[in-house]
Amino acid sequence: MTRLNLILFAIAICSALGIVSTQHRARKLYIELQQLQDMSRQYDIEWGQLQLEQSTWAMHSRIEQIATGHLHMQVPEVARIQIVPPEGVH
């Protein structure tokens, strides 16, 4: 009878240790998941900011202002504009 009690006690201890280590691992993985989700949110915010910045830099009025102000470019006269059709279109 004592031997059976010792075996059951050893099994209970092993089960308890297994549960504790499993819970610890689950907590660590949950913390890692939270950190990765936070990083994902930060990347989404940064992506939105970069898209906004790109649209600002590519605004037609800004490009035209730089072309005329810094590069001294001008819109050609209508008589000097030629439209070239793409190859294969007749």
Protein backbone atom coordinates (compact mmCIF):
# COMPACT_ATOMS: atom_id res chain seq x y z
CA MET A 1 0.00 0.00 0.00
CA THR A 2 2.82 2.40 0.84
CA ARG A 3 4.49 1.67 -2.44
CA LEU A 4 1.28 2.53 -4.33
CA ASN A 5 1.02 5.80 -2.38
CA LEU A 6 4.62 6.72 -3.27
CA ILE A 7 4.01 5.98 -6.94
CA LEU A 8 0.82 8.06 -6.94
CA PHE A 9 2.62 10.86 -5.05
CA ALA A 10 5.44 10.83 -7.64
CA ILE A 11 2.91 10.95 -10.47
CA ALA A 12 1.11 13.87 -8.79
CA ILE A 13 4.39 15.77 -8.36
CA CYS A 14 5.34 15.15 -11.99
CA SER A 15 1.89 16.31 -13.13
CA ALA A 16 2.13 19.45 -11.01
CA LEU A 17 5.58 20.28 -12.38
CA GLY A 18 4.31 19.69 -15.91
CA ILE A 19 1.36 22.02 -15.36
CA VAL A 20 3.58 24.74 -13.86
CA SER A 21 6.08 24.57 -16.72
CA THR A 22 3.27 24.54 -19.31
CA GLN A 23 1.62 27.60 -17.74
CA HIS A 24 4.95 29.41 -17.60
CA ARG A 25 5.60 28.69 -21.27
CA ALA A 26 2.05 29.80 -22.17
CA ARG A 27 2.60 33.10 -20.31
CA LYS A 28 5.90 33.69 -22.08
CA LEU A 29 4.31 33.00 -25.45
CA TYR A 30 1.39 35.31 -24.63
CA ILE A 31 3.81 38.11 -23.69
CA GLU A 32 5.68 37.56 -26.95
CA LEU A 33 2.38 37.67 -28.85
CA GLN A 34 1.48 40.98 -27.21
CA GLN A 35 4.88 42.44 -28.12
CA LEU A 36 4.53 41.32 -31.72
CA GLN A 37 1.03 42.78 -31.94
CA ASP A 38 2.35 46.08 -30.57
CA MET A 39 5.10 46.04 -33.20
CA SER A 40 2.50 45.32 -35.88
CA ARG A 41 0.44 48.32 -34.77
CA GLN A 42 3.54 50.52 -34.83
CA TYR A 43 4.40 49.31 -38.34
CA ASP A 44 0.84 50.04 -39.48
CA ILE A 45 1.11 53.57 -38.11
CA GLU A 46 4.49 54.07 -39.76
CA TRP A 47 3.15 52.71 -43.06
CA GLY A 48 0.28 55.20 -42.96
CA GLN A 49 2.67 58.05 -42.24
CA LEU A 50 4.93 57.00 -45.10
CA GLN A 51 1.99 56.83 -47.49
CA LEU A 52 0.92 60.32 -46.41
CA GLU A 53 4.46 61.60 -46.86
CA GLN A 54 4.71 60.01 -50.31
CA SER A 55 1.43 61.57 -51.42
CA THR A 56 2.65 64.96 -50.14
CA TRP A 57 5.96 64.73 -51.99
CA ALA A 58 4.22 63.59 -55.20
CA MET A 59 1.57 66.33 -55.27
CA HIS A 60 1.25 67.84 -58.72
CA SER A 61 1.43 71.41 -57.42
CA ARG A 62 4.65 70.70 -55.52
CA ILE A 63 6.29 69.05 -58.51
CA GLU A 64 5.24 71.94 -60.75
CA GLN A 65 6.57 74.46 -58.23
CA ILE A 66 9.97 72.73 -58.09
CA ALA A 67 10.09 72.38 -61.87
CA THR A 68 9.42 76.06 -62.46
CA GLY A 69 11.27 77.51 -59.46
CA HIS A 70 14.41 75.40 -59.13
CA LEU A 71 14.80 73.85 -62.56
CA HIS A 72 13.48 76.85 -64.55
CA MET A 73 11.22 74.64 -66.64
CA GLN A 74 8.19 75.95 -68.54
CA VAL A 75 5.09 74.41 -70.04
CA PRO A 76 5.60 74.33 -73.83
CA GLU A 77 3.31 76.17 -76.17
CA VAL A 78 0.36 74.20 -77.50
CA ALA A 79 1.75 74.35 -81.06
CA ARG A 80 4.96 72.64 -79.92
CA ILE A 81 3.26 69.69 -78.22
CA GLN A 82 3.16 66.43 -80.18
CA ILE A 83 1.29 63.35 -79.07
CA VAL A 84 3.05 60.13 -80.02
CA PRO A 85 0.88 57.03 -80.09
CA PRO A 86 2.31 53.89 -78.46
CA GLU A 87 3.86 51.25 -80.68
CA GLY A 88 1.44 48.80 -82.23
CA VAL A 89 -1.49 51.28 -82.23
CA HIS A 90 -2.31 52.71 -85.63
